[in-house]
Amino acid sequence: MLFVPVIPSHATPPSPRTRELADLLGRVIEEYEEHHPAVTGSEVREAVRLAIMRSARTGSGSVRILAGVSAAAAVAGIFAFVAANQGQVPKTAVPMVAVVLALFAVLFAVAVVKRRGG
C-alpha cells in the first residue's frame, strides 16, 4: 500500500497572539522598508531568521535533550557492560569506546552549532 502524507496548510486558524505578533512584525518590516527602499526580500527573510534564533523561545532545547538522553544511555550501557564482565573492560572493547567518544564529539559539536545559530 502506498501512503502519501498530506499536510494541510493551516489545519487550525492562528491564535490571536500569533496574529498580533504577525501584524506587529509586518508593520516593523514595512516601516523599515520605507526608510530603506533598497532592502531586498531575501535580506528581510534573513533578518527574521536571525531574530527568531535570538529569541529566548527557540527550539535548541531539543538538541540538548537528545544529547542528554544519548549520554545517559551510553553511560548506562557502559555500566551494564562493565558489570556483566565482573568489573573488567576487555581489550577488544577499546575500539567501541573510541566510536562512542566520536559519537559524543559529534553530538557536542551539533549542540554547539545549534546554540550559536549556525
PDB file of N, CA and C in Angstrom:
ATOM      1  N   MET A   1       0.849  -1.165   0.000  1.00  0.00           N
ATOM      2  CA  MET A   1       0.000   0.000   0.000  1.00  0.00           C
ATOM      3  C   MET A   1       0.898   1.232   0.000  1.00  0.00           C
ATOM      4  N   LEU A   2       0.556   2.196  -0.794  1.00  0.00           N
ATOM      5  CA  LEU A   2       1.306   3.439  -0.898  1.00  0.00           C
ATOM      6  C   LEU A   2       0.610   4.503  -0.087  1.00  0.00           C
ATOM      7  N   PHE A   3       1.369   5.177   0.750  1.00  0.00           N
ATOM      8  CA  PHE A   3       0.819   6.233   1.576  1.00  0.00           C
ATOM      9  C   PHE A   3       1.543   7.523   1.264  1.00  0.00           C
ATOM     10  N   VAL A   4       0.800   8.535   0.888  1.00  0.00           N
ATOM     11  CA  VAL A   4       1.374   9.849   0.604  1.00  0.00           C
ATOM     12  C   VAL A   4       0.848  10.810   1.654  1.00  0.00           C
ATOM     13  N   PRO A   5       1.735  11.296   2.530  1.00  0.00           N
ATOM     14  CA  PRO A   5       1.258  12.210   3.579  1.00  0.00           C
ATOM     15  C   PRO A   5       0.893  13.566   2.986  1.00  0.00           C
ATOM     16  N   VAL A   6      -0.220  14.088   3.433  1.00  0.00           N
ATOM     17  CA  VAL A   6      -0.659  15.413   3.017  1.00  0.00           C
ATOM     18  C   VAL A   6      -0.786  16.252   4.273  1.00  0.00           C
ATOM     19  N   ILE A   7      -0.014  17.320   4.313  1.00  0.00           N
ATOM     20  CA  ILE A   7      -0.039  18.213   5.471  1.00  0.00           C
ATOM     21  C   ILE A   7      -0.859  19.435   5.099  1.00  0.00           C
ATOM     22  N   PRO A   8      -1.987  19.643   5.759  1.00  0.00           N
ATOM     23  CA  PRO A   8      -2.794  20.815   5.435  1.00  0.00           C
ATOM     24  C   PRO A   8      -2.031  22.086   5.772  1.00  0.00           C
ATOM     25  N   SER A   9      -2.264  23.122   4.969  1.00  0.00           N
ATOM     26  CA  SER A   9      -1.508  24.358   5.165  1.00  0.00           C
ATOM     27  C   SER A   9      -1.809  24.977   6.528  1.00  0.00           C
ATOM     28  N   HIS A  10      -3.055  25.065   6.897  1.00  0.00           N
ATOM     29  CA  HIS A  10      -3.426  25.583   8.216  1.00  0.00           C
ATOM     30  C   HIS A  10      -4.643  24.815   8.697  1.00  0.00           C
ATOM     31  N   ALA A  11      -4.389  23.747   9.432  1.00  0.00           N
ATOM     32  CA  ALA A  11      -5.490  22.934   9.937  1.00  0.00           C
ATOM     33  C   ALA A  11      -6.295  23.714  10.966  1.00  0.00           C
ATOM     34  N   THR A  12      -5.623  24.505  11.773  1.00  0.00           N
ATOM     35  CA  THR A  12      -6.294  25.335  12.763  1.00  0.00           C
ATOM     36  C   THR A  12      -5.943  26.787  12.496  1.00  0.00           C
ATOM     37  N   PRO A  13      -6.864  27.675  12.729  1.00  0.00           N
ATOM     38  CA  PRO A  13      -6.548  29.092  12.500  1.00  0.00           C
ATOM     39  C   PRO A  13      -5.521  29.577  13.515  1.00  0.00           C
ATOM     40  N   PRO A  14      -4.706  30.565  13.137  1.00  0.00           N
ATOM     41  CA  PRO A  14      -3.706  31.065  14.075  1.00  0.00           C
ATOM     42  C   PRO A  14      -4.363  31.707  15.291  1.00  0.00           C
ATOM     43  N   SER A  15      -3.676  31.605  16.406  1.00  0.00           N
ATOM     44  CA  SER A  15      -4.200  32.171  17.653  1.00  0.00           C
ATOM     45  C   SER A  15      -4.166  33.698  17.583  1.00  0.00           C
ATOM     46  N   PRO A  16      -4.908  34.361  18.462  1.00  0.00           N
ATOM     47  CA  PRO A  16      -4.872  35.830  18.492  1.00  0.00           C
ATOM     48  C   PRO A  16      -3.466  36.381  18.744  1.00  0.00           C
ATOM     49  N   ARG A  17      -2.690  35.704  19.586  1.00  0.00           N
ATOM     50  CA  ARG A  17      -1.310  36.162  19.830  1.00  0.00           C
ATOM     51  C   ARG A  17      -0.477  36.046  18.572  1.00  0.00           C
ATOM     52  N   THR A  18      -0.671  34.946  17.833  1.00  0.00           N
ATOM     53  CA  THR A  18       0.076  34.758  16.590  1.00  0.00           C
ATOM     54  C   THR A  18      -0.268  35.845  15.589  1.00  0.00           C
ATOM     55  N   ARG A  19      -1.560  36.150  15.455  1.00  0.00           N
ATOM     56  CA  ARG A  19      -1.972  37.210  14.529  1.00  0.00           C
ATOM     57  C   ARG A  19      -1.429  38.568  14.966  1.00  0.00           C
ATOM     58  N   GLU A  20      -1.457  38.832  16.285  1.00  0.00           N
ATOM     59  CA  GLU A  20      -0.950  40.100  16.795  1.00  0.00           C
ATOM     60  C   GLU A  20       0.546  40.250  16.521  1.00  0.00           C
ATOM     61  N   LEU A  21       1.306  39.186  16.770  1.00  0.00           N
ATOM     62  CA  LEU A  21       2.747  39.232  16.522  1.00  0.00           C
ATOM     63  C   LEU A  21       3.034  39.384  15.038  1.00  0.00           C
ATOM     64  N   ALA A  22       2.289  38.678  14.192  1.00  0.00           N
ATOM     65  CA  ALA A  22       2.478  38.801  12.744  1.00  0.00           C
ATOM     66  C   ALA A  22       2.174  40.215  12.281  1.00  0.00           C
ATOM     67  N   ASP A  23       1.136  40.824  12.832  1.00  0.00           N
ATOM     68  CA  ASP A  23       0.788  42.201  12.475  1.00  0.00           C
ATOM     69  C   ASP A  23       1.897  43.163  12.901  1.00  0.00           C
ATOM     70  N   LEU A  24       2.402  42.975  14.111  1.00  0.00           N
ATOM     71  CA  LEU A  24       3.477  43.830  14.614  1.00  0.00           C
ATOM     72  C   LEU A  24       4.742  43.692  13.772  1.00  0.00           C
ATOM     73  N   LEU A  25       5.114  42.457  13.481  1.00  0.00           N
ATOM     74  CA  LEU A  25       6.300  42.227  12.649  1.00  0.00           C
ATOM     75  C   LEU A  25       6.115  42.826  11.257  1.00  0.00           C
ATOM     76  N   GLY A  26       4.923  42.662  10.695  1.00  0.00           N
ATOM     77  CA  GLY A  26       4.641  43.224   9.381  1.00  0.00           C
ATOM     78  C   GLY A  26       4.776  44.738   9.372  1.00  0.00           C
ATOM     79  N   ARG A  27       4.262  45.401  10.421  1.00  0.00           N
ATOM     80  CA  ARG A  27       4.383  46.863  10.491  1.00  0.00           C
ATOM     81  C   ARG A  27       5.836  47.303  10.625  1.00  0.00           C
ATOM     82  N   VAL A  28       6.616  46.579  11.419  1.00  0.00           N
ATOM     83  CA  VAL A  28       8.032  46.935  11.587  1.00  0.00           C
ATOM     84  C   VAL A  28       8.774  46.768  10.264  1.00  0.00           C
ATOM     85  N   ILE A  29       8.506  45.678   9.560  1.00  0.00           N
ATOM     86  CA  ILE A  29       9.173  45.440   8.276  1.00  0.00           C
ATOM     87  C   ILE A  29       8.773  46.514   7.264  1.00  0.00           C
ATOM     88  N   GLU A  30       7.468  46.853   7.208  1.00  0.00           N
ATOM     89  CA  GLU A  30       7.025  47.904   6.287  1.00  0.00           C
ATOM     90  C   GLU A  30       7.687  49.241   6.599  1.00  0.00           C
ATOM     91  N   GLU A  31       7.781  49.581   7.888  1.00  0.00           N
ATOM     92  CA  GLU A  31       8.422  50.842   8.275  1.00  0.00           C
ATOM     93  C   GLU A  31       9.901  50.839   7.895  1.00  0.00           C
ATOM     94  N   TYR A  32      10.560  49.718   8.100  1.00  0.00           N
ATOM     95  CA  TYR A  32      11.972  49.630   7.744  1.00  0.00           C
ATOM     96  C   TYR A  32      12.146  49.768   6.235  1.00  0.00           C
ATOM     97  N   GLU A  33      11.258  49.131   5.467  1.00  0.00           N
ATOM     98  CA  GLU A  33      11.345  49.217   4.012  1.00  0.00           C
ATOM     99  C   GLU A  33      11.096  50.639   3.519  1.00  0.00           C
ATOM    100  N   GLU A  34      10.245  51.391   4.222  1.00  0.00           N
ATOM    101  CA  GLU A  34      10.028  52.795   3.850  1.00  0.00           C
ATOM    102  C   GLU A  34      11.298  53.614   4.035  1.00  0.00           C
ATOM    103  N   HIS A  35      12.017  53.371   5.109  1.00  0.00           N
ATOM    104  CA  HIS A  35      13.243  54.128   5.393  1.00  0.00           C
ATOM    105  C   HIS A  35      14.447  53.599   4.621  1.00  0.00           C
ATOM    106  N   HIS A  36      14.400  52.352   4.201  1.00  0.00           N
ATOM    107  CA  HIS A  36      15.499  51.725   3.458  1.00  0.00           C
ATOM    108  C   HIS A  36      14.925  51.040   2.217  1.00  0.00           C
ATOM    109  N   PRO A  37      14.624  51.797   1.162  1.00  0.00           N
ATOM    110  CA  PRO A  37      13.961  51.206  -0.007  1.00  0.00           C
ATOM    111  C   PRO A  37      14.815  50.184  -0.758  1.00  0.00           C
ATOM    112  N   ALA A  38      16.104  50.159  -0.533  1.00  0.00           N
ATOM    113  CA  ALA A  38      16.971  49.219  -1.259  1.00  0.00           C
ATOM    114  C   ALA A  38      16.997  47.829  -0.637  1.00  0.00           C
ATOM    115  N   VAL A  39      16.344  47.636   0.502  1.00  0.00           N
ATOM    116  CA  VAL A  39      16.365  46.332   1.159  1.00  0.00           C
ATOM    117  C   VAL A  39      15.624  45.312   0.289  1.00  0.00           C
ATOM    118  N   THR A  40      16.196  44.111   0.219  1.00  0.00           N
ATOM    119  CA  THR A  40      15.596  43.059  -0.611  1.00  0.00           C
ATOM    120  C   THR A  40      14.781  42.105   0.250  1.00  0.00           C
ATOM    121  N   GLY A  41      13.956  41.317  -0.411  1.00  0.00           N
ATOM    122  CA  GLY A  41      13.152  40.323   0.291  1.00  0.00           C
ATOM    123  C   GLY A  41      14.007  39.280   0.989  1.00  0.00           C
ATOM    124  N   SER A  42      15.117  38.895   0.357  1.00  0.00           N
ATOM    125  CA  SER A  42      15.993  37.908   0.992  1.00  0.00           C
ATOM    126  C   SER A  42      16.653  38.481   2.248  1.00  0.00           C
ATOM    127  N   GLU A  43      16.954  39.776   2.241  1.00  0.00           N
ATOM    128  CA  GLU A  43      17.524  40.395   3.450  1.00  0.00           C
ATOM    129  C   GLU A  43      16.496  40.416   4.571  1.00  0.00           C
ATOM    130  N   VAL A  44      15.250  40.688   4.226  1.00  0.00           N
ATOM    131  CA  VAL A  44      14.190  40.698   5.236  1.00  0.00           C
ATOM    132  C   VAL A  44      14.011  39.300   5.814  1.00  0.00           C
ATOM    133  N   ARG A  45      13.987  38.275   4.952  1.00  0.00           N
ATOM    134  CA  ARG A  45      13.840  36.897   5.435  1.00  0.00           C
ATOM    135  C   ARG A  45      15.013  36.505   6.327  1.00  0.00           C
ATOM    136  N   GLU A  46      16.231  36.892   5.934  1.00  0.00           N
ATOM    137  CA  GLU A  46      17.408  36.579   6.754  1.00  0.00           C
ATOM    138  C   GLU A  46      17.339  37.288   8.103  1.00  0.00           C
ATOM    139  N   ALA A  47      16.875  38.527   8.104  1.00  0.00           N
ATOM    140  CA  ALA A  47      16.741  39.273   9.363  1.00  0.00           C
ATOM    141  C   ALA A  47      15.715  38.617  10.279  1.00  0.00           C
ATOM    142  N   VAL A  48      14.601  38.167   9.706  1.00  0.00           N
ATOM    143  CA  VAL A  48      13.581  37.483  10.509  1.00  0.00           C
ATOM    144  C   VAL A  48      14.142  36.183  11.068  1.00  0.00           C
ATOM    145  N   ARG A  49      14.900  35.452  10.242  1.00  0.00           N
ATOM    146  CA  ARG A  49      15.521  34.204  10.705  1.00  0.00           C
ATOM    147  C   ARG A  49      16.480  34.476  11.857  1.00  0.00           C
ATOM    148  N   LEU A  50      17.296  35.528  11.741  1.00  0.00           N
ATOM    149  CA  LEU A  50      18.232  35.873  12.813  1.00  0.00           C
ATOM    150  C   LEU A  50      17.489  36.285  14.083  1.00  0.00           C
ATOM    151  N   ALA A  51      16.392  37.027  13.924  1.00  0.00           N
ATOM    152  CA  ALA A  51      15.606  37.433  15.093  1.00  0.00           C
ATOM    153  C   ALA A  51      14.989  36.231  15.788  1.00  0.00           C
ATOM    154  N   ILE A  52      14.550  35.256  15.008  1.00  0.00           N
ATOM    155  CA  ILE A  52      13.975  34.042  15.600  1.00  0.00           C
ATOM    156  C   ILE A  52      15.043  33.289  16.377  1.00  0.00           C
ATOM    157  N   MET A  53      16.250  33.215  15.819  1.00  0.00           N
ATOM    158  CA  MET A  53      17.331  32.496  16.514  1.00  0.00           C
ATOM    159  C   MET A  53      17.723  33.218  17.805  1.00  0.00           C
ATOM    160  N   ARG A  54      17.606  34.537  17.827  1.00  0.00           N
ATOM    161  CA  ARG A  54      17.948  35.305  19.023  1.00  0.00           C
ATOM    162  C   ARG A  54      16.877  35.210  20.094  1.00  0.00           C
ATOM    163  N   SER A  55      15.691  34.818  19.700  1.00  0.00           N
ATOM    164  CA  SER A  55      14.588  34.732  20.634  1.00  0.00           C
ATOM    165  C   SER A  55      14.890  33.717  21.728  1.00  0.00           C
ATOM    166  N   ALA A  56      14.388  33.955  22.889  1.00  0.00           N
ATOM    167  CA  ALA A  56      14.611  33.045  24.023  1.00  0.00           C
ATOM    168  C   ALA A  56      13.818  31.764  23.874  1.00  0.00           C
ATOM    169  N   ARG A  57      12.864  31.722  22.965  1.00  0.00           N
ATOM    170  CA  ARG A  57      11.987  30.559  22.849  1.00  0.00           C
ATOM    171  C   ARG A  57      12.291  29.743  21.606  1.00  0.00           C
ATOM    172  N   THR A  58      13.530  29.614  21.253  1.00  0.00           N
ATOM    173  CA  THR A  58      13.889  28.786  20.104  1.00  0.00           C
ATOM    174  C   THR A  58      13.855  27.326  20.507  1.00  0.00           C
ATOM    175  N   GLY A  59      13.983  26.442  19.551  1.00  0.00           N
ATOM    176  CA  GLY A  59      13.888  25.009  19.807  1.00  0.00           C
ATOM    177  C   GLY A  59      15.214  24.342  20.084  1.00  0.00           C
ATOM    178  N   SER A  60      16.206  25.070  20.584  1.00  0.00           N
ATOM    179  CA  SER A  60      17.505  24.458  20.826  1.00  0.00           C
ATOM    180  C   SER A  60      17.484  23.473  21.986  1.00  0.00           C
ATOM    181  N   GLY A  61      16.414  23.498  22.776  1.00  0.00           N
ATOM    182  CA  GLY A  61      16.316  22.553  23.884  1.00  0.00           C
ATOM    183  C   GLY A  61      16.247  21.117  23.413  1.00  0.00           C
ATOM    184  N   SER A  62      15.697  20.891  22.234  1.00  0.00           N
ATOM    185  CA  SER A  62      15.583  19.520  21.739  1.00  0.00           C
ATOM    186  C   SER A  62      16.951  18.911  21.475  1.00  0.00           C
ATOM    187  N   VAL A  63      17.900  19.722  21.027  1.00  0.00           N
ATOM    188  CA  VAL A  63      19.257  19.214  20.800  1.00  0.00           C
ATOM    189  C   VAL A  63      19.890  18.842  22.134  1.00  0.00           C
ATOM    190  N   ARG A  64      19.695  19.674  23.144  1.00  0.00           N
ATOM    191  CA  ARG A  64      20.251  19.379  24.466  1.00  0.00           C
ATOM    192  C   ARG A  64      19.608  18.126  25.047  1.00  0.00           C
ATOM    193  N   ILE A  65      18.317  17.976  24.856  1.00  0.00           N
ATOM    194  CA  ILE A  65      17.630  16.781  25.362  1.00  0.00           C
ATOM    195  C   ILE A  65      18.160  15.541  24.662  1.00  0.00           C
ATOM    196  N   LEU A  66      18.330  15.613  23.336  1.00  0.00           N
ATOM    197  CA  LEU A  66      18.866  14.483  22.588  1.00  0.00           C
ATOM    198  C   LEU A  66      20.263  14.122  23.068  1.00  0.00           C
ATOM    199  N   ALA A  67      21.107  15.132  23.261  1.00  0.00           N
ATOM    200  CA  ALA A  67      22.465  14.869  23.736  1.00  0.00           C
ATOM    201  C   ALA A  67      22.445  14.278  25.144  1.00  0.00           C
ATOM    202  N   GLY A  68      21.579  14.785  26.010  1.00  0.00           N
ATOM    203  CA  GLY A  68      21.489  14.269  27.369  1.00  0.00           C
ATOM    204  C   GLY A  68      20.986  12.839  27.426  1.00  0.00           C
ATOM    205  N   VAL A  69      19.967  12.541  26.641  1.00  0.00           N
ATOM    206  CA  VAL A  69      19.424  11.185  26.622  1.00  0.00           C
ATOM    207  C   VAL A  69      20.447  10.201  26.064  1.00  0.00           C
ATOM    208  N   SER A  70      21.138  10.607  24.994  1.00  0.00           N
ATOM    209  CA  SER A  70      22.131   9.690  24.431  1.00  0.00           C
ATOM    210  C   SER A  70      23.309   9.503  25.388  1.00  0.00           C
ATOM    211  N   ALA A  71      23.699  10.554  26.101  1.00  0.00           N
ATOM    212  CA  ALA A  71      24.772  10.410  27.086  1.00  0.00           C
ATOM    213  C   ALA A  71      24.348   9.471  28.215  1.00  0.00           C
ATOM    214  N   ALA A  72      23.120   9.631  28.692  1.00  0.00           N
ATOM    215  CA  ALA A  72      22.630   8.757  29.755  1.00  0.00           C
ATOM    216  C   ALA A  72      22.556   7.310  29.282  1.00  0.00           C
ATOM    217  N   ALA A  73      22.117   7.107  28.051  1.00  0.00           N
ATOM    218  CA  ALA A  73      22.040   5.744  27.515  1.00  0.00           C
ATOM    219  C   ALA A  73      23.427   5.132  27.381  1.00  0.00           C
ATOM    220  N   ALA A  74      24.401   5.930  26.948  1.00  0.00           N
ATOM    221  CA  ALA A  74      25.760   5.415  26.801  1.00  0.00           C
ATOM    222  C   ALA A  74      26.367   5.073  28.161  1.00  0.00           C
ATOM    223  N   VAL A  75      26.165   5.944  29.141  1.00  0.00           N
ATOM    224  CA  VAL A  75      26.705   5.670  30.483  1.00  0.00           C
ATOM    225  C   VAL A  75      26.063   4.408  31.055  1.00  0.00           C
ATOM    226  N   ALA A  76      24.748   4.272  30.878  1.00  0.00           N
ATOM    227  CA  ALA A  76      24.069   3.072  31.363  1.00  0.00           C
ATOM    228  C   ALA A  76      24.584   1.830  30.635  1.00  0.00           C
ATOM    229  N   GLY A  77      24.823   1.957  29.332  1.00  0.00           N
ATOM    230  CA  GLY A  77      25.352   0.828  28.566  1.00  0.00           C
ATOM    231  C   GLY A  77      26.744   0.439  29.015  1.00  0.00           C
ATOM    232  N   ILE A  78      27.597   1.434  29.244  1.00  0.00           N
ATOM    233  CA  ILE A  78      28.964   1.151  29.713  1.00  0.00           C
ATOM    234  C   ILE A  78      28.918   0.492  31.089  1.00  0.00           C
ATOM    235  N   PHE A  79      28.059   1.020  31.983  1.00  0.00           N
ATOM    236  CA  PHE A  79      27.928   0.444  33.315  1.00  0.00           C
ATOM    237  C   PHE A  79      27.467  -1.017  33.225  1.00  0.00           C
ATOM    238  N   ALA A  80      26.476  -1.285  32.394  1.00  0.00           N
ATOM    239  CA  ALA A  80      25.973  -2.652  32.247  1.00  0.00           C
ATOM    240  C   ALA A  80      27.042  -3.563  31.651  1.00  0.00           C
ATOM    241  N   PHE A  81      27.803  -3.045  30.680  1.00  0.00           N
ATOM    242  CA  PHE A  81      28.866  -3.832  30.054  1.00  0.00           C
ATOM    243  C   PHE A  81      29.946  -4.202  31.058  1.00  0.00           C
ATOM    244  N   VAL A  82      30.379  -3.230  31.855  1.00  0.00           N
ATOM    245  CA  VAL A  82      31.420  -3.489  32.853  1.00  0.00           C
ATOM    246  C   VAL A  82      30.889  -4.429  33.939  1.00  0.00           C
ATOM    247  N   ALA A  83      29.632  -4.242  34.336  1.00  0.00           N
ATOM    248  CA  ALA A  83      29.052  -5.118  35.356  1.00  0.00           C
ATOM    249  C   ALA A  83      28.933  -6.551  34.838  1.00  0.00           C
ATOM    250  N   ALA A  84      28.605  -6.707  33.577  1.00  0.00           N
ATOM    251  CA  ALA A  84      28.471  -8.045  33.007  1.00  0.00           C
ATOM    252  C   ALA A  84      29.815  -8.760  32.900  1.00  0.00           C
ATOM    253  N   ASN A  85      30.903  -8.013  32.866  1.00  0.00           N
ATOM    254  CA  ASN A  85      32.245  -8.599  32.748  1.00  0.00           C
ATOM    255  C   ASN A  85      32.997  -8.547  34.083  1.00  0.00           C
ATOM    256  N   GLN A  86      32.281  -8.571  35.179  1.00  0.00           N
ATOM    257  CA  GLN A  86      32.855  -8.571  36.528  1.00  0.00           C
ATOM    258  C   GLN A  86      33.854  -7.424  36.745  1.00  0.00           C
ATOM    259  N   GLY A  87      33.518  -6.256  36.272  1.00  0.00           N
ATOM    260  CA  GLY A  87      34.359  -5.079  36.509  1.00  0.00           C
ATOM    261  C   GLY A  87      35.549  -4.949  35.581  1.00  0.00           C
ATOM    262  N   GLN A  88      35.672  -5.793  34.621  1.00  0.00           N
ATOM    263  CA  GLN A  88      36.799  -5.748  33.679  1.00  0.00           C
ATOM    264  C   GLN A  88      36.329  -5.179  32.340  1.00  0.00           C
ATOM    265  N   VAL A  89      37.230  -4.465  31.672  1.00  0.00           N
ATOM    266  CA  VAL A  89      36.956  -3.985  30.313  1.00  0.00           C
ATOM    267  C   VAL A  89      37.894  -4.737  29.377  1.00  0.00           C
ATOM    268  N   PRO A  90      37.354  -5.638  28.566  1.00  0.00           N
ATOM    269  CA  PRO A  90      38.212  -6.402  27.659  1.00  0.00           C
ATOM    270  C   PRO A  90      38.885  -5.487  26.633  1.00  0.00           C
ATOM    271  N   LYS A  91      40.083  -5.889  26.212  1.00  0.00           N
ATOM    272  CA  LYS A  91      40.823  -5.091  25.238  1.00  0.00           C
ATOM    273  C   LYS A  91      40.095  -5.001  23.901  1.00  0.00           C
ATOM    274  N   THR A  92      39.258  -5.965  23.618  1.00  0.00           N
ATOM    275  CA  THR A  92      38.510  -5.920  22.357  1.00  0.00           C
ATOM    276  C   THR A  92      37.440  -4.830  22.364  1.00  0.00           C
ATOM    277  N   ALA A  93      37.102  -4.284  23.543  1.00  0.00           N
ATOM    278  CA  ALA A  93      36.076  -3.252  23.643  1.00  0.00           C
ATOM    279  C   ALA A  93      36.635  -1.856  23.407  1.00  0.00           C
ATOM    280  N   VAL A  94      37.946  -1.701  23.388  1.00  0.00           N
ATOM    281  CA  VAL A  94      38.557  -0.373  23.246  1.00  0.00           C
ATOM    282  C   VAL A  94      38.137   0.315  21.947  1.00  0.00           C
ATOM    283  N   PRO A  95      38.094  -0.363  20.792  1.00  0.00           N
ATOM    284  CA  PRO A  95      37.632   0.333  19.578  1.00  0.00           C
ATOM    285  C   PRO A  95      36.189   0.839  19.696  1.00  0.00           C
ATOM    286  N   MET A  96      35.332   0.100  20.384  1.00  0.00           N
ATOM    287  CA  MET A  96      33.956   0.544  20.542  1.00  0.00           C
ATOM    288  C   MET A  96      33.884   1.782  21.438  1.00  0.00           C
ATOM    289  N   VAL A  97      34.744   1.858  22.429  1.00  0.00           N
ATOM    290  CA  VAL A  97      34.797   3.054  23.276  1.00  0.00           C
ATOM    291  C   VAL A  97      35.194   4.262  22.429  1.00  0.00           C
ATOM    292  N   ALA A  98      36.124   4.081  21.503  1.00  0.00           N
ATOM    293  CA  ALA A  98      36.517   5.166  20.610  1.00  0.00           C
ATOM    294  C   ALA A  98      35.348   5.612  19.738  1.00  0.00           C
ATOM    295  N   VAL A  99      34.538   4.668  19.280  1.00  0.00           N
ATOM    296  CA  VAL A  99      33.363   5.013  18.470  1.00  0.00           C
ATOM    297  C   VAL A  99      32.363   5.818  19.293  1.00  0.00           C
ATOM    298  N   VAL A 100      32.143   5.406  20.526  1.00  0.00           N
ATOM    299  CA  VAL A 100      31.221   6.124  21.404  1.00  0.00           C
ATOM    300  C   VAL A 100      31.728   7.537  21.671  1.00  0.00           C
ATOM    301  N   LEU A 101      33.020   7.678  21.939  1.00  0.00           N
ATOM    302  CA  LEU A 101      33.578   9.008  22.158  1.00  0.00           C
ATOM    303  C   LEU A 101      33.448   9.882  20.914  1.00  0.00           C
ATOM    304  N   ALA A 102      33.653   9.311  19.746  1.00  0.00           N
ATOM    305  CA  ALA A 102      33.487  10.070  18.497  1.00  0.00           C
ATOM    306  C   ALA A 102      32.030  10.500  18.329  1.00  0.00           C
ATOM    307  N   LEU A 103      31.092   9.620  18.676  1.00  0.00           N
ATOM    308  CA  LEU A 103      29.679   9.970  18.591  1.00  0.00           C
ATOM    309  C   LEU A 103      29.346  11.135  19.505  1.00  0.00           C
ATOM    310  N   PHE A 104      29.866  11.103  20.731  1.00  0.00           N
ATOM    311  CA  PHE A 104      29.616  12.214  21.645  1.00  0.00           C
ATOM    312  C   PHE A 104      30.276  13.504  21.172  1.00  0.00           C
ATOM    313  N   ALA A 105      31.420  13.405  20.538  1.00  0.00           N
ATOM    314  CA  ALA A 105      32.057  14.600  19.989  1.00  0.00           C
ATOM    315  C   ALA A 105      31.182  15.218  18.903  1.00  0.00           C
ATOM    316  N   VAL A 106      30.598  14.376  18.063  1.00  0.00           N
ATOM    317  CA  VAL A 106      29.709  14.882  17.008  1.00  0.00           C
ATOM    318  C   VAL A 106      28.463  15.506  17.619  1.00  0.00           C
ATOM    319  N   LEU A 107      27.844  14.841  18.598  1.00  0.00           N
ATOM    320  CA  LEU A 107      26.664  15.401  19.254  1.00  0.00           C
ATOM    321  C   LEU A 107      26.980  16.725  19.936  1.00  0.00           C
ATOM    322  N   PHE A 108      28.134  16.809  20.577  1.00  0.00           N
ATOM    323  CA  PHE A 108      28.530  18.053  21.224  1.00  0.00           C
ATOM    324  C   PHE A 108      28.709  19.160  20.190  1.00  0.00           C
ATOM    325  N   ALA A 109      29.340  18.837  19.063  1.00  0.00           N
ATOM    326  CA  ALA A 109      29.539  19.838  18.009  1.00  0.00           C
ATOM    327  C   ALA A 109      28.202  20.312  17.449  1.00  0.00           C
ATOM    328  N   VAL A 110      27.262  19.387  17.249  1.00  0.00           N
ATOM    329  CA  VAL A 110      25.942  19.768  16.749  1.00  0.00           C
ATOM    330  C   VAL A 110      25.230  20.674  17.755  1.00  0.00           C
ATOM    331  N   ALA A 111      25.323  20.344  19.042  1.00  0.00           N
ATOM    332  CA  ALA A 111      24.678  21.173  20.068  1.00  0.00           C
ATOM    333  C   ALA A 111      25.286  22.571  20.084  1.00  0.00           C
ATOM    334  N   VAL A 112      26.603  22.674  19.952  1.00  0.00           N
ATOM    335  CA  VAL A 112      27.260  23.985  19.953  1.00  0.00           C
ATOM    336  C   VAL A 112      26.851  24.790  18.723  1.00  0.00           C
ATOM    337  N   VAL A 113      26.829  24.158  17.565  1.00  0.00           N
ATOM    338  CA  VAL A 113      26.452  24.859  16.335  1.00  0.00           C
ATOM    339  C   VAL A 113      25.001  25.308  16.407  1.00  0.00           C
ATOM    340  N   LYS A 114      24.108  24.454  16.897  1.00  0.00           N
ATOM    341  CA  LYS A 114      22.703  24.832  17.030  1.00  0.00           C
ATOM    342  C   LYS A 114      22.532  25.984  18.010  1.00  0.00           C
ATOM    343  N   ARG A 115      23.281  25.954  19.089  1.00  0.00           N
ATOM    344  CA  ARG A 115      23.159  27.011  20.092  1.00  0.00           C
ATOM    345  C   ARG A 115      23.608  28.355  19.546  1.00  0.00           C
ATOM    346  N   ARG A 116      24.650  28.333  18.709  1.00  0.00           N
ATOM    347  CA  ARG A 116      25.147  29.579  18.111  1.00  0.00           C
ATOM    348  C   ARG A 116      24.308  30.019  16.928  1.00  0.00           C
ATOM    349  N   GLY A 117      23.403  29.160  16.484  1.00  0.00           N
ATOM    350  CA  GLY A 117      22.509  29.549  15.400  1.00  0.00           C
ATOM    351  C   GLY A 117      23.022  29.250  14.025  1.00  0.00           C
ATOM    352  N   GLY A 118      23.952  28.330  13.882  1.00  0.00           N
ATOM    353  CA  GLY A 118      24.534  28.009  12.591  1.00  0.00           C
ATOM    354  C   GLY A 118      23.828  26.954  11.918  1.00  0.00           C
TER     355      GLY A 118
END
